[in-house]
PDB file of N, CA and C in Angstrom:
ATOM      1  N   MET A   1     161.598  51.423 135.887  1.00  0.00           N
ATOM      2  CA  MET A   1     160.580  51.507 136.910  1.00  0.00           C
ATOM      3  C   MET A   1     161.114  52.350 138.072  1.00  0.00           C
ATOM      4  N   SER A   2     160.274  53.162 138.654  1.00  0.00           N
ATOM      5  CA  SER A   2     160.717  53.992 139.769  1.00  0.00           C
ATOM      6  C   SER A   2     160.662  53.192 141.067  1.00  0.00           C
ATOM      7  N   GLU A   3     161.516  53.572 141.976  1.00  0.00           N
ATOM      8  CA  GLU A   3     161.581  52.856 143.238  1.00  0.00           C
ATOM      9  C   GLU A   3     160.557  53.416 144.207  1.00  0.00           C
ATOM     10  N   ARG A   4     159.912  52.489 144.951  1.00  0.00           N
ATOM     11  CA  ARG A   4     158.878  52.884 145.904  1.00  0.00           C
ATOM     12  C   ARG A   4     159.189  52.334 147.287  1.00  0.00           C
ATOM     13  N   ASN A   5     158.573  52.943 148.269  1.00  0.00           N
ATOM     14  CA  ASN A   5     158.640  52.442 149.632  1.00  0.00           C
ATOM     15  C   ASN A   5     157.743  51.217 149.745  1.00  0.00           C
ATOM     16  N   PRO A   6     157.889  50.441 150.826  1.00  0.00           N
ATOM     17  CA  PRO A   6     157.034  49.256 150.996  1.00  0.00           C
ATOM     18  C   PRO A   6     155.531  49.577 151.000  1.00  0.00           C
ATOM     19  N   ASP A   7     155.157  50.797 151.425  1.00  0.00           N
ATOM     20  CA  ASP A   7     153.734  51.159 151.447  1.00  0.00           C
ATOM     21  C   ASP A   7     153.230  51.649 150.090  1.00  0.00           C
ATOM     22  N   GLY A   8     154.095  51.634 149.078  1.00  0.00           N
ATOM     23  CA  GLY A   8     153.672  52.018 147.732  1.00  0.00           C
ATOM     24  C   GLY A   8     153.962  53.463 147.372  1.00  0.00           C
ATOM     25  N   THR A   9     154.337  54.283 148.350  1.00  0.00           N
ATOM     26  CA  THR A   9     154.648  55.681 148.050  1.00  0.00           C
ATOM     27  C   THR A   9     156.055  55.775 147.470  1.00  0.00           C
ATOM     28  N   PHE A  10     156.328  56.864 146.809  1.00  0.00           N
ATOM     29  CA  PHE A  10     157.652  57.044 146.217  1.00  0.00           C
ATOM     30  C   PHE A  10     158.658  57.426 147.291  1.00  0.00           C
ATOM     31  N   LYS A  11     159.879  56.961 147.111  1.00  0.00           N
ATOM     32  CA  LYS A  11     160.949  57.328 148.030  1.00  0.00           C
ATOM     33  C   LYS A  11     161.229  58.819 147.895  1.00  0.00           C
ATOM     34  N   GLN A  12     161.755  59.400 148.970  1.00  0.00           N
ATOM     35  CA  GLN A  12     162.052  60.823 148.963  1.00  0.00           C
ATOM     36  C   GLN A  12     163.038  61.134 147.840  1.00  0.00           C
ATOM     37  N   GLY A  13     162.719  62.171 147.062  1.00  0.00           N
ATOM     38  CA  GLY A  13     163.569  62.587 145.957  1.00  0.00           C
ATOM     39  C   GLY A  13     163.325  61.831 144.667  1.00  0.00           C
ATOM     40  N   VAL A  14     162.365  60.894 144.666  1.00  0.00           N
ATOM     41  CA  VAL A  14     162.049  60.112 143.472  1.00  0.00           C
ATOM     42  C   VAL A  14     160.660  60.509 142.994  1.00  0.00           C
ATOM     43  N   SER A  15     160.516  60.712 141.713  1.00  0.00           N
ATOM     44  CA  SER A  15     159.229  61.110 141.142  1.00  0.00           C
ATOM     45  C   SER A  15     158.634  59.968 140.337  1.00  0.00           C
ATOM     46  N   GLY A  16     157.335  59.850 140.372  1.00  0.00           N
ATOM     47  CA  GLY A  16     156.648  58.868 139.545  1.00  0.00           C
ATOM     48  C   GLY A  16     156.521  59.328 138.109  1.00  0.00           C
ATOM     49  N   ASN A  17     156.815  60.585 137.875  1.00  0.00           N
ATOM     50  CA  ASN A  17     156.721  61.147 136.531  1.00  0.00           C
ATOM     51  C   ASN A  17     157.961  62.016 136.305  1.00  0.00           C
ATOM     52  N   PRO A  18     159.122  61.378 136.119  1.00  0.00           N
ATOM     53  CA  PRO A  18     160.370  62.138 136.086  1.00  0.00           C
ATOM     54  C   PRO A  18     160.476  63.153 134.955  1.00  0.00           C
ATOM     55  N   ARG A  19     159.808  62.936 133.862  1.00  0.00           N
ATOM     56  CA  ARG A  19     159.889  63.881 132.741  1.00  0.00           C
ATOM     57  C   ARG A  19     158.836  64.981 132.869  1.00  0.00           C
ATOM     58  N   GLY A  20     157.929  64.845 133.809  1.00  0.00           N
ATOM     59  CA  GLY A  20     156.896  65.855 134.014  1.00  0.00           C
ATOM     60  C   GLY A  20     155.781  65.771 132.997  1.00  0.00           C
ATOM     61  N   ARG A  21     154.815  66.620 133.169  1.00  0.00           N
ATOM     62  CA  ARG A  21     153.683  66.672 132.255  1.00  0.00           C
ATOM     63  C   ARG A  21     154.128  67.283 130.931  1.00  0.00           C
ATOM     64  N   PRO A  22     153.702  66.704 129.817  1.00  0.00           N
ATOM     65  CA  PRO A  22     154.065  67.321 128.533  1.00  0.00           C
ATOM     66  C   PRO A  22     153.439  68.706 128.426  1.00  0.00           C
ATOM     67  N   ARG A  23     154.172  69.641 127.853  1.00  0.00           N
ATOM     68  CA  ARG A  23     153.684  71.016 127.762  1.00  0.00           C
ATOM     69  C   ARG A  23     152.426  71.107 126.918  1.00  0.00           C
ATOM     70  N   SER A  24     152.349  70.357 125.859  1.00  0.00           N
ATOM     71  CA  SER A  24     151.140  70.339 125.041  1.00  0.00           C
ATOM     72  C   SER A  24     151.186  69.106 124.155  1.00  0.00           C
ATOM     73  N   LEU A  25     150.055  68.783 123.607  1.00  0.00           N
ATOM     74  CA  LEU A  25     149.987  67.664 122.684  1.00  0.00           C
ATOM     75  C   LEU A  25     150.275  68.195 121.290  1.00  0.00           C
ATOM     76  N   PRO A  26     151.412  67.840 120.705  1.00  0.00           N
ATOM     77  CA  PRO A  26     151.800  68.412 119.412  1.00  0.00           C
ATOM     78  C   PRO A  26     150.752  68.227 118.317  1.00  0.00           C
ATOM     79  N   LYS A  27     150.084  67.080 118.294  1.00  0.00           N
ATOM     80  CA  LYS A  27     149.085  66.852 117.243  1.00  0.00           C
ATOM     81  C   LYS A  27     147.897  67.799 117.402  1.00  0.00           C
ATOM     82  N   VAL A  28     147.497  68.038 118.644  1.00  0.00           N
ATOM     83  CA  VAL A  28     146.356  68.922 118.901  1.00  0.00           C
ATOM     84  C   VAL A  28     146.714  70.358 118.529  1.00  0.00           C
ATOM     85  N   VAL A  29     147.892  70.794 118.939  1.00  0.00           N
ATOM     86  CA  VAL A  29     148.335  72.150 118.614  1.00  0.00           C
ATOM     87  C   VAL A  29     148.423  72.316 117.103  1.00  0.00           C
ATOM     88  N   LYS A  30     148.982  71.314 116.427  1.00  0.00           N
ATOM     89  CA  LYS A  30     149.101  71.375 114.967  1.00  0.00           C
ATOM     90  C   LYS A  30     147.723  71.482 114.321  1.00  0.00           C
ATOM     91  N   ALA A  31     146.744  70.736 114.847  1.00  0.00           N
ATOM     92  CA  ALA A  31     145.383  70.790 114.297  1.00  0.00           C
ATOM     93  C   ALA A  31     144.790  72.187 114.445  1.00  0.00           C
ATOM     94  N   TRP A  32     144.989  72.822 115.599  1.00  0.00           N
ATOM     95  CA  TRP A  32     144.480  74.184 115.798  1.00  0.00           C
ATOM     96  C   TRP A  32     145.189  75.162 114.871  1.00  0.00           C
ATOM     97  N   ARG A  33     146.487  74.990 114.704  1.00  0.00           N
ATOM     98  CA  ARG A  33     147.260  75.915 113.871  1.00  0.00           C
ATOM     99  C   ARG A  33     146.887  75.815 112.394  1.00  0.00           C
ATOM    100  N   GLU A  34     146.371  74.677 111.970  1.00  0.00           N
ATOM    101  CA  GLU A  34     145.954  74.520 110.575  1.00  0.00           C
ATOM    102  C   GLU A  34     144.806  75.463 110.217  1.00  0.00           C
ATOM    103  N   HIS A  35     144.105  75.972 111.219  1.00  0.00           N
ATOM    104  CA  HIS A  35     142.960  76.859 110.987  1.00  0.00           C
ATOM    105  C   HIS A  35     143.318  78.331 111.196  1.00  0.00           C
ATOM    106  N   THR A  36     144.599  78.634 111.298  1.00  0.00           N
ATOM    107  CA  THR A  36     145.040  80.003 111.562  1.00  0.00           C
ATOM    108  C   THR A  36     144.557  80.982 110.501  1.00  0.00           C
ATOM    109  N   ASP A  37     144.744  80.650 109.226  1.00  0.00           N
ATOM    110  CA  ASP A  37     144.341  81.569 108.155  1.00  0.00           C
ATOM    111  C   ASP A  37     142.849  81.870 108.215  1.00  0.00           C
ATOM    112  N   GLU A  38     142.049  80.827 108.412  1.00  0.00           N
ATOM    113  CA  GLU A  38     140.599  81.009 108.488  1.00  0.00           C
ATOM    114  C   GLU A  38     140.223  81.865 109.703  1.00  0.00           C
ATOM    115  N   ALA A  39     140.890  81.627 110.830  1.00  0.00           N
ATOM    116  CA  ALA A  39     140.597  82.401 112.040  1.00  0.00           C
ATOM    117  C   ALA A  39     140.938  83.876 111.836  1.00  0.00           C
ATOM    118  N   ILE A  40     142.064  84.147 111.200  1.00  0.00           N
ATOM    119  CA  ILE A  40     142.455  85.537 110.945  1.00  0.00           C
ATOM    120  C   ILE A  40     141.461  86.202 110.000  1.00  0.00           C
ATOM    121  N   GLU A  41     141.042  85.486 108.965  1.00  0.00           N
ATOM    122  CA  GLU A  41     140.042  86.032 108.038  1.00  0.00           C
ATOM    123  C   GLU A  41     138.742  86.345 108.768  1.00  0.00           C
ATOM    124  N   THR A  42     138.352  85.479 109.701  1.00  0.00           N
ATOM    125  CA  THR A  42     137.123  85.700 110.469  1.00  0.00           C
ATOM    126  C   THR A  42     137.250  86.939 111.343  1.00  0.00           C
ATOM    127  N   VAL A  43     138.379  87.081 112.024  1.00  0.00           N
ATOM    128  CA  VAL A  43     138.596  88.259 112.873  1.00  0.00           C
ATOM    129  C   VAL A  43     138.513  89.532 112.036  1.00  0.00           C
ATOM    130  N   LEU A  44     139.148  89.533 110.878  1.00  0.00           N
ATOM    131  CA  LEU A  44     139.128  90.717 110.014  1.00  0.00           C
ATOM    132  C   LEU A  44     137.722  90.999 109.483  1.00  0.00           C
ATOM    133  N   ARG A  45     136.986  89.947 109.115  1.00  0.00           N
ATOM    134  CA  ARG A  45     135.621  90.131 108.606  1.00  0.00           C
ATOM    135  C   ARG A  45     134.729  90.739 109.685  1.00  0.00           C
ATOM    136  N   VAL A  46     134.800  90.206 110.895  1.00  0.00           N
ATOM    137  CA  VAL A  46     133.973  90.733 111.987  1.00  0.00           C
ATOM    138  C   VAL A  46     134.401  92.156 112.326  1.00  0.00           C
ATOM    139  N   MET A  47     135.698  92.431 112.257  1.00  0.00           N
ATOM    140  CA  MET A  47     136.192  93.785 112.518  1.00  0.00           C
ATOM    141  C   MET A  47     135.589  94.772 111.518  1.00  0.00           C
ATOM    142  N   ARG A  48     135.510  94.371 110.257  1.00  0.00           N
ATOM    143  CA  ARG A  48     135.016  95.273 109.213  1.00  0.00           C
ATOM    144  C   ARG A  48     133.502  95.414 109.219  1.00  0.00           C
ATOM    145  N   THR A  49     132.792  94.325 109.501  1.00  0.00           N
ATOM    146  CA  THR A  49     131.333  94.347 109.388  1.00  0.00           C
ATOM    147  C   THR A  49     130.625  94.491 110.723  1.00  0.00           C
ATOM    148  N   GLY A  50     131.265  94.086 111.804  1.00  0.00           N
ATOM    149  CA  GLY A  50     130.618  94.126 113.109  1.00  0.00           C
ATOM    150  C   GLY A  50     129.601  93.016 113.295  1.00  0.00           C
ATOM    151  N   GLU A  51     129.559  92.073 112.368  1.00  0.00           N
ATOM    152  CA  GLU A  51     128.585  90.981 112.433  1.00  0.00           C
ATOM    153  C   GLU A  51     129.224  89.722 113.004  1.00  0.00           C
ATOM    154  N   ASP A  52     128.367  88.834 113.496  1.00  0.00           N
ATOM    155  CA  ASP A  52     128.734  87.478 113.907  1.00  0.00           C
ATOM    156  C   ASP A  52     129.784  87.457 115.014  1.00  0.00           C
ATOM    157  N   LYS A  53     129.404  87.966 116.168  1.00  0.00           N
ATOM    158  CA  LYS A  53     130.311  88.006 117.310  1.00  0.00           C
ATOM    159  C   LYS A  53     130.674  86.602 117.797  1.00  0.00           C
ATOM    160  N   ASP A  54     129.781  85.620 117.601  1.00  0.00           N
ATOM    161  CA  ASP A  54     130.093  84.247 117.995  1.00  0.00           C
ATOM    162  C   ASP A  54     131.255  83.699 117.176  1.00  0.00           C
ATOM    163  N   ALA A  55     131.291  84.027 115.893  1.00  0.00           N
ATOM    164  CA  ALA A  55     132.399  83.587 115.040  1.00  0.00           C
ATOM    165  C   ALA A  55     133.702  84.225 115.505  1.00  0.00           C
ATOM    166  N   LEU A  56     133.632  85.468 115.960  1.00  0.00           N
ATOM    167  CA  LEU A  56     134.823  86.149 116.462  1.00  0.00           C
ATOM    168  C   LEU A  56     135.357  85.433 117.700  1.00  0.00           C
ATOM    169  N   ALA A  57     134.465  85.083 118.614  1.00  0.00           N
ATOM    170  CA  ALA A  57     134.886  84.377 119.823  1.00  0.00           C
ATOM    171  C   ALA A  57     135.514  83.027 119.475  1.00  0.00           C
ATOM    172  N   ALA A  58     134.932  82.326 118.515  1.00  0.00           N
ATOM    173  CA  ALA A  58     135.471  81.033 118.098  1.00  0.00           C
ATOM    174  C   ALA A  58     136.838  81.200 117.439  1.00  0.00           C
ATOM    175  N   ALA A  59     136.998  82.232 116.618  1.00  0.00           N
ATOM    176  CA  ALA A  59     138.281  82.474 115.953  1.00  0.00           C
ATOM    177  C   ALA A  59     139.366  82.803 116.976  1.00  0.00           C
ATOM    178  N   LYS A  60     139.032  83.625 117.970  1.00  0.00           N
ATOM    179  CA  LYS A  60     140.005  83.970 119.005  1.00  0.00           C
ATOM    180  C   LYS A  60     140.417  82.726 119.791  1.00  0.00           C
ATOM    181  N   GLU A  61     139.444  81.873 120.088  1.00  0.00           N
ATOM    182  CA  GLU A  61     139.734  80.632 120.811  1.00  0.00           C
ATOM    183  C   GLU A  61     140.655  79.733 119.994  1.00  0.00           C
ATOM    184  N   CYS A  62     140.394  79.646 118.710  1.00  0.00           N
ATOM    185  CA  CYS A  62     141.228  78.844 117.811  1.00  0.00           C
ATOM    186  C   CYS A  62     142.667  79.365 117.816  1.00  0.00           C
ATOM    187  N   LEU A  63     142.835  80.665 117.711  1.00  0.00           N
ATOM    188  CA  LEU A  63     144.173  81.257 117.718  1.00  0.00           C
ATOM    189  C   LEU A  63     144.866  81.051 119.066  1.00  0.00           C
ATOM    190  N   ASN A  64     144.129  81.213 120.161  1.00  0.00           N
ATOM    191  CA  ASN A  64     144.712  81.023 121.488  1.00  0.00           C
ATOM    192  C   ASN A  64     145.159  79.583 121.709  1.00  0.00           C
ATOM    193  N   ARG A  65     144.363  78.631 121.244  1.00  0.00           N
ATOM    194  CA  ARG A  65     144.723  77.224 121.430  1.00  0.00           C
ATOM    195  C   ARG A  65     145.889  76.812 120.548  1.00  0.00           C
ATOM    196  N   GLY A  66     145.979  77.388 119.373  1.00  0.00           N
ATOM    197  CA  GLY A  66     147.061  77.034 118.465  1.00  0.00           C
ATOM    198  C   GLY A  66     148.366  77.743 118.758  1.00  0.00           C
ATOM    199  N   TRP A  67     148.276  78.991 119.163  1.00  0.00           N
ATOM    200  CA  TRP A  67     149.482  79.808 119.315  1.00  0.00           C
ATOM    201  C   TRP A  67     149.697  80.318 120.734  1.00  0.00           C
ATOM    202  N   GLY A  68     148.745  80.107 121.618  1.00  0.00           N
ATOM    203  CA  GLY A  68     148.846  80.619 122.981  1.00  0.00           C
ATOM    204  C   GLY A  68     148.274  82.020 123.054  1.00  0.00           C
ATOM    205  N   GLN A  69     147.863  82.412 124.244  1.00  0.00           N
ATOM    206  CA  GLN A  69     147.279  83.731 124.423  1.00  0.00           C
ATOM    207  C   GLN A  69     148.365  84.793 124.300  1.00  0.00           C
ATOM    208  N   ALA A  70     148.010  85.901 123.689  1.00  0.00           N
ATOM    209  CA  ALA A  70     148.968  86.990 123.482  1.00  0.00           C
ATOM    210  C   ALA A  70     149.434  87.531 124.826  1.00  0.00           C
ATOM    211  N   LYS A  71     150.713  87.786 124.941  1.00  0.00           N
ATOM    212  CA  LYS A  71     151.284  88.370 126.152  1.00  0.00           C
ATOM    213  C   LYS A  71     151.097  89.881 126.094  1.00  0.00           C
ATOM    214  N   ILE A  72     150.702  90.455 127.214  1.00  0.00           N
ATOM    215  CA  ILE A  72     150.461  91.889 127.275  1.00  0.00           C
ATOM    216  C   ILE A  72     151.527  92.512 128.171  1.00  0.00           C
ATOM    217  N   PRO A  73     152.424  93.311 127.605  1.00  0.00           N
ATOM    218  CA  PRO A  73     153.437  93.945 128.452  1.00  0.00           C
ATOM    219  C   PRO A  73     152.802  95.022 129.332  1.00  0.00           C
ATOM    220  N   VAL A  74     153.269  95.127 130.553  1.00  0.00           N
ATOM    221  CA  VAL A  74     152.749  96.122 131.485  1.00  0.00           C
ATOM    222  C   VAL A  74     153.882  97.077 131.826  1.00  0.00           C
ATOM    223  N   HIS A  75     153.637  98.357 131.635  1.00  0.00           N
ATOM    224  CA  HIS A  75     154.636  99.374 131.948  1.00  0.00           C
ATOM    225  C   HIS A  75     154.094 100.247 133.063  1.00  0.00           C
ATOM    226  N   LEU A  76     154.932 100.550 134.009  1.00  0.00           N
ATOM    227  CA  LEU A  76     154.548 101.378 135.137  1.00  0.00           C
ATOM    228  C   LEU A  76     154.948 102.811 134.841  1.00  0.00           C
ATOM    229  N   MET A  77     153.967 103.709 134.827  1.00  0.00           N
ATOM    230  CA  MET A  77     154.248 105.122 134.576  1.00  0.00           C
ATOM    231  C   MET A  77     154.243 105.841 135.921  1.00  0.00           C
ATOM    232  N   ARG A  78     155.261 106.665 136.126  1.00  0.00           N
ATOM    233  CA  ARG A  78     155.343 107.398 137.378  1.00  0.00           C
ATOM    234  C   ARG A  78     155.966 108.751 137.101  1.00  0.00           C
ATOM    235  N   ASP A  79     155.283 109.796 137.478  1.00  0.00           N
ATOM    236  CA  ASP A  79     155.754 111.165 137.278  1.00  0.00           C
ATOM    237  C   ASP A  79     156.129 111.427 135.825  1.00  0.00           C
ATOM    238  N   GLY A  80     155.384 110.840 134.906  1.00  0.00           N
ATOM    239  CA  GLY A  80     155.635 111.065 133.494  1.00  0.00           C
ATOM    240  C   GLY A  80     156.808 110.287 132.938  1.00  0.00           C
ATOM    241  N   ASP A  81     157.561 109.599 133.789  1.00  0.00           N
ATOM    242  CA  ASP A  81     158.697 108.801 133.330  1.00  0.00           C
ATOM    243  C   ASP A  81     158.348 107.329 133.439  1.00  0.00           C
ATOM    244  N   GLU A  82     158.876 106.560 132.512  1.00  0.00           N
ATOM    245  CA  GLU A  82     158.637 105.124 132.548  1.00  0.00           C
ATOM    246  C   GLU A  82     159.733 104.466 133.382  1.00  0.00           C
ATOM    247  N   ASP A  83     159.325 103.780 134.451  1.00  0.00           N
ATOM    248  CA  ASP A  83     160.274 103.082 135.317  1.00  0.00           C
ATOM    249  C   ASP A  83     160.062 101.584 135.176  1.00  0.00           C
ATOM    250  N   GLU A  84     161.127 100.842 135.304  1.00  0.00           N
ATOM    251  CA  GLU A  84     161.010  99.398 135.348  1.00  0.00           C
ATOM    252  C   GLU A  84     160.630  99.021 136.774  1.00  0.00           C
ATOM    253  N   VAL A  85     159.630  98.166 136.913  1.00  0.00           N
ATOM    254  CA  VAL A  85     159.155  97.772 138.235  1.00  0.00           C
ATOM    255  C   VAL A  85     160.288  97.141 139.036  1.00  0.00           C
ATOM    256  N   ALA A  86     161.119  96.346 138.391  1.00  0.00           N
ATOM    257  CA  ALA A  86     162.207  95.661 139.091  1.00  0.00           C
ATOM    258  C   ALA A  86     163.201  96.637 139.708  1.00  0.00           C
ATOM    259  N   GLU A  87     163.281  97.845 139.182  1.00  0.00           N
ATOM    260  CA  GLU A  87     164.239  98.831 139.685  1.00  0.00           C
ATOM    261  C   GLU A  87     163.694  99.641 140.856  1.00  0.00           C
ATOM    262  N   LEU A  88     162.395  99.544 141.137  1.00  0.00           N
ATOM    263  CA  LEU A  88     161.795 100.309 142.226  1.00  0.00           C
ATOM    264  C   LEU A  88     161.993  99.582 143.551  1.00  0.00           C
ATOM    265  N   SER A  89     162.154 100.352 144.622  1.00  0.00           N
ATOM    266  CA  SER A  89     162.287  99.758 145.951  1.00  0.00           C
ATOM    267  C   SER A  89     160.909  99.335 146.453  1.00  0.00           C
ATOM    268  N   ASP A  90     160.897  98.518 147.502  1.00  0.00           N
ATOM    269  CA  ASP A  90     159.628  98.107 148.100  1.00  0.00           C
ATOM    270  C   ASP A  90     158.843  99.319 148.586  1.00  0.00           C
ATOM    271  N   ALA A  91     159.542 100.293 149.162  1.00  0.00           N
ATOM    272  CA  ALA A  91     158.871 101.496 149.658  1.00  0.00           C
ATOM    273  C   ALA A  91     158.206 102.260 148.515  1.00  0.00           C
ATOM    274  N   GLU A  92     158.896 102.368 147.376  1.00  0.00           N
ATOM    275  CA  GLU A  92     158.321 103.066 146.219  1.00  0.00           C
ATOM    276  C   GLU A  92     157.090 102.328 145.693  1.00  0.00           C
ATOM    277  N   LEU A  93     157.174 101.005 145.635  1.00  0.00           N
ATOM    278  CA  LEU A  93     156.025 100.227 145.166  1.00  0.00           C
ATOM    279  C   LEU A  93     154.836 100.379 146.110  1.00  0.00           C
ATOM    280  N   GLU A  94     155.092 100.327 147.419  1.00  0.00           N
ATOM    281  CA  GLU A  94     154.013 100.501 148.391  1.00  0.00           C
ATOM    282  C   GLU A  94     153.383 101.881 148.271  1.00  0.00           C
ATOM    283  N   GLU A  95     154.194 102.892 148.032  1.00  0.00           N
ATOM    284  CA  GLU A  95     153.691 104.259 147.854  1.00  0.00           C
ATOM    285  C   GLU A  95     152.762 104.333 146.641  1.00  0.00           C
ATOM    286  N   ILE A  96     153.160 103.698 145.560  1.00  0.00           N
ATOM    287  CA  ILE A  96     152.335 103.692 144.348  1.00  0.00           C
ATOM    288  C   ILE A  96     151.012 102.990 144.611  1.00  0.00           C
ATOM    289  N   VAL A  97     151.079 101.847 145.290  1.00  0.00           N
ATOM    290  CA  VAL A  97     149.855 101.098 145.582  1.00  0.00           C
ATOM    291  C   VAL A  97     148.934 101.909 146.477  1.00  0.00           C
ATOM    292  N   ARG A  98     149.469 102.524 147.508  1.00  0.00           N
ATOM    293  CA  ARG A  98     148.633 103.343 148.397  1.00  0.00           C
ATOM    294  C   ARG A  98     147.987 104.490 147.633  1.00  0.00           C
ATOM    295  N   GLY A  99     148.716 105.115 146.749  1.00  0.00           N
ATOM    296  CA  GLY A  99     148.179 106.228 145.964  1.00  0.00           C
ATOM    297  C   GLY A  99     147.084 105.793 145.017  1.00  0.00           C
ATOM    298  N   GLU A 100     147.201 104.610 144.436  1.00  0.00           N
ATOM    299  CA  GLU A 100     146.194 104.129 143.488  1.00  0.00           C
ATOM    300  C   GLU A 100     144.927 103.688 144.193  1.00  0.00           C
ATOM    301  N   ASP A 101     145.042 103.240 145.446  1.00  0.00           N
ATOM    302  CA  ASP A 101     143.869 102.755 146.161  1.00  0.00           C
ATOM    303  C   ASP A 101     143.033 103.876 146.750  1.00  0.00           C
ATOM    304  N   ASP A 102     143.588 105.085 146.857  1.00  0.00           N
ATOM    305  CA  ASP A 102     142.891 106.180 147.520  1.00  0.00           C
ATOM    306  C   ASP A 102     141.665 106.670 146.769  1.00  0.00           C
ATOM    307  N   GLU A 103     141.740 106.784 145.453  1.00  0.00           N
ATOM    308  CA  GLU A 103     140.656 107.384 144.682  1.00  0.00           C
ATOM    309  C   GLU A 103     140.260 106.495 143.519  1.00  0.00           C
ATOM    310  N   ALA A 104     138.970 106.468 143.236  1.00  0.00           N
ATOM    311  CA  ALA A 104     138.502 105.776 142.033  1.00  0.00           C
ATOM    312  C   ALA A 104     138.667 106.723 140.856  1.00  0.00           C
ATOM    313  N   GLU A 105     139.213 106.219 139.766  1.00  0.00           N
ATOM    314  CA  GLU A 105     139.456 107.071 138.609  1.00  0.00           C
ATOM    315  C   GLU A 105     138.300 106.967 137.628  1.00  0.00           C
ATOM    316  N   GLU A 106     138.059 108.056 136.912  1.00  0.00           N
ATOM    317  CA  GLU A 106     136.997 108.060 135.917  1.00  0.00           C
ATOM    318  C   GLU A 106     137.459 107.365 134.644  1.00  0.00           C
ATOM    319  N   GLU A 107     136.522 106.980 133.796  1.00  0.00           N
ATOM    320  CA  GLU A 107     136.821 106.307 132.538  1.00  0.00           C
ATOM    321  C   GLU A 107     137.339 107.305 131.507  1.00  0.00           C
ATOM    322  N   PRO A 108     138.201 106.863 130.582  1.00  0.00           N
ATOM    323  CA  PRO A 108     138.677 107.781 129.545  1.00  0.00           C
ATOM    324  C   PRO A 108     137.564 108.139 128.577  1.00  0.00           C
ATOM    325  N   GLU A 109     137.637 109.342 128.023  1.00  0.00           N
ATOM    326  CA  GLU A 109     136.661 109.755 127.022  1.00  0.00           C
ATOM    327  C   GLU A 109     136.971 109.045 125.715  1.00  0.00           C
ATOM    328  N   ALA A 110     135.967 108.884 124.853  1.00  0.00           N
ATOM    329  CA  ALA A 110     136.113 108.093 123.633  1.00  0.00           C
ATOM    330  C   ALA A 110     137.235 108.597 122.734  1.00  0.00           C
ATOM    331  N   GLU A 111     137.349 109.909 122.565  1.00  0.00           N
ATOM    332  CA  GLU A 111     138.347 110.439 121.635  1.00  0.00           C
ATOM    333  C   GLU A 111     139.716 110.640 122.287  1.00  0.00           C
ATOM    334  N   GLU A 112     139.808 110.399 123.572  1.00  0.00           N
ATOM    335  CA  GLU A 112     141.040 110.605 124.313  1.00  0.00           C
ATOM    336  C   GLU A 112     141.867 109.312 124.308  1.00  0.00           C
ATOM    337  N   SER A 113     143.160 109.423 124.046  1.00  0.00           N
ATOM    338  CA  SER A 113     144.008 108.230 124.055  1.00  0.00           C
ATOM    339  C   SER A 113     144.224 107.785 125.497  1.00  0.00           C
ATOM    340  N   LEU A 114     144.542 106.525 125.669  1.00  0.00           N
ATOM    341  CA  LEU A 114     144.780 105.988 126.999  1.00  0.00           C
ATOM    342  C   LEU A 114     145.952 106.696 127.672  1.00  0.00           C
ATOM    343  N   ALA A 115     146.989 107.016 126.906  1.00  0.00           N
ATOM    344  CA  ALA A 115     148.149 107.714 127.472  1.00  0.00           C
ATOM    345  C   ALA A 115     147.751 109.098 127.983  1.00  0.00           C
ATOM    346  N   ASP A 116     146.925 109.832 127.197  1.00  0.00           N
ATOM    347  CA  ASP A 116     146.468 111.162 127.629  1.00  0.00           C
ATOM    348  C   ASP A 116     145.610 111.058 128.882  1.00  0.00           C
ATOM    349  N   TRP A 117     144.718 110.059 128.908  1.00  0.00           N
ATOM    350  CA  TRP A 117     143.843 109.849 130.061  1.00  0.00           C
ATOM    351  C   TRP A 117     144.672 109.553 131.305  1.00  0.00           C
ATOM    352  N   SER A 118     145.673 108.682 131.156  1.00  0.00           N
ATOM    353  CA  SER A 118     146.524 108.309 132.277  1.00  0.00           C
ATOM    354  C   SER A 118     147.296 109.519 132.798  1.00  0.00           C
ATOM    355  N   ARG A 119     147.829 110.315 131.891  1.00  0.00           N
ATOM    356  CA  ARG A 119     148.582 111.512 132.261  1.00  0.00           C
ATOM    357  C   ARG A 119     147.672 112.507 132.984  1.00  0.00           C
ATOM    358  N   ARG A 120     146.444 112.706 132.466  1.00  0.00           N
ATOM    359  CA  ARG A 120     145.505 113.653 133.076  1.00  0.00           C
ATOM    360  C   ARG A 120     145.134 113.208 134.487  1.00  0.00           C
ATOM    361  N   ASN A 121     144.874 111.912 134.675  1.00  0.00           N
ATOM    362  CA  ASN A 121     144.519 111.415 136.001  1.00  0.00           C
ATOM    363  C   ASN A 121     145.683 111.528 136.975  1.00  0.00           C
ATOM    364  N   ALA A 122     146.907 111.345 136.504  1.00  0.00           N
ATOM    365  CA  ALA A 122     148.079 111.487 137.366  1.00  0.00           C
ATOM    366  C   ALA A 122     148.216 112.937 137.824  1.00  0.00           C
ATOM    367  N   GLU A 123     147.969 113.878 136.915  1.00  0.00           N
ATOM    368  CA  GLU A 123     148.052 115.297 137.262  1.00  0.00           C
ATOM    369  C   GLU A 123     146.976 115.673 138.273  1.00  0.00           C
ATOM    370  N   GLU A 124     145.765 115.125 138.116  1.00  0.00           N
ATOM    371  CA  GLU A 124     144.679 115.433 139.046  1.00  0.00           C
ATOM    372  C   GLU A 124     144.982 114.892 140.436  1.00  0.00           C
ATOM    373  N   ARG A 125     145.619 113.720 140.517  1.00  0.00           N
ATOM    374  CA  ARG A 125     145.971 113.141 141.817  1.00  0.00           C
ATOM    375  C   ARG A 125     147.024 113.981 142.523  1.00  0.00           C
ATOM    376  N   ASP A 126     147.934 114.586 141.748  1.00  0.00           N
ATOM    377  CA  ASP A 126     149.024 115.369 142.331  1.00  0.00           C
ATOM    378  C   ASP A 126     148.561 116.715 142.869  1.00  0.00           C
ATOM    379  N   GLU A 127     147.397 117.199 142.437  1.00  0.00           N
ATOM    380  CA  GLU A 127     146.905 118.524 142.865  1.00  0.00           C
ATOM    381  C   GLU A 127     146.409 118.514 144.287  1.00  0.00           C
TER     382      GLU A 127
END
């Protein structure tokens, strides 16, 4: 039992939940993961046919609940070179932010890759 003050509150440095909140319920996660194969088949079917968007949303939700949402790495491109954000100074980061806020950028064209679009917009800003 945890120790409390006379008014019922916990003493300083004492927690009522020393182990913390459980990260997830293993049985629930296991139940979601049991449907992984079906969810993947659904995603592939909708990808190929373009039908049943509701099934796609349900399959994605099933995968997210069972395995967690996919992590998306973010890379900062500057002057055509890839820099690690952690290596940039505060002044460099502020400069990048100020430059990005100045102009609204246009959307990439359908046949243009995101990298080409990003490079083209960087060149236009430098002119």
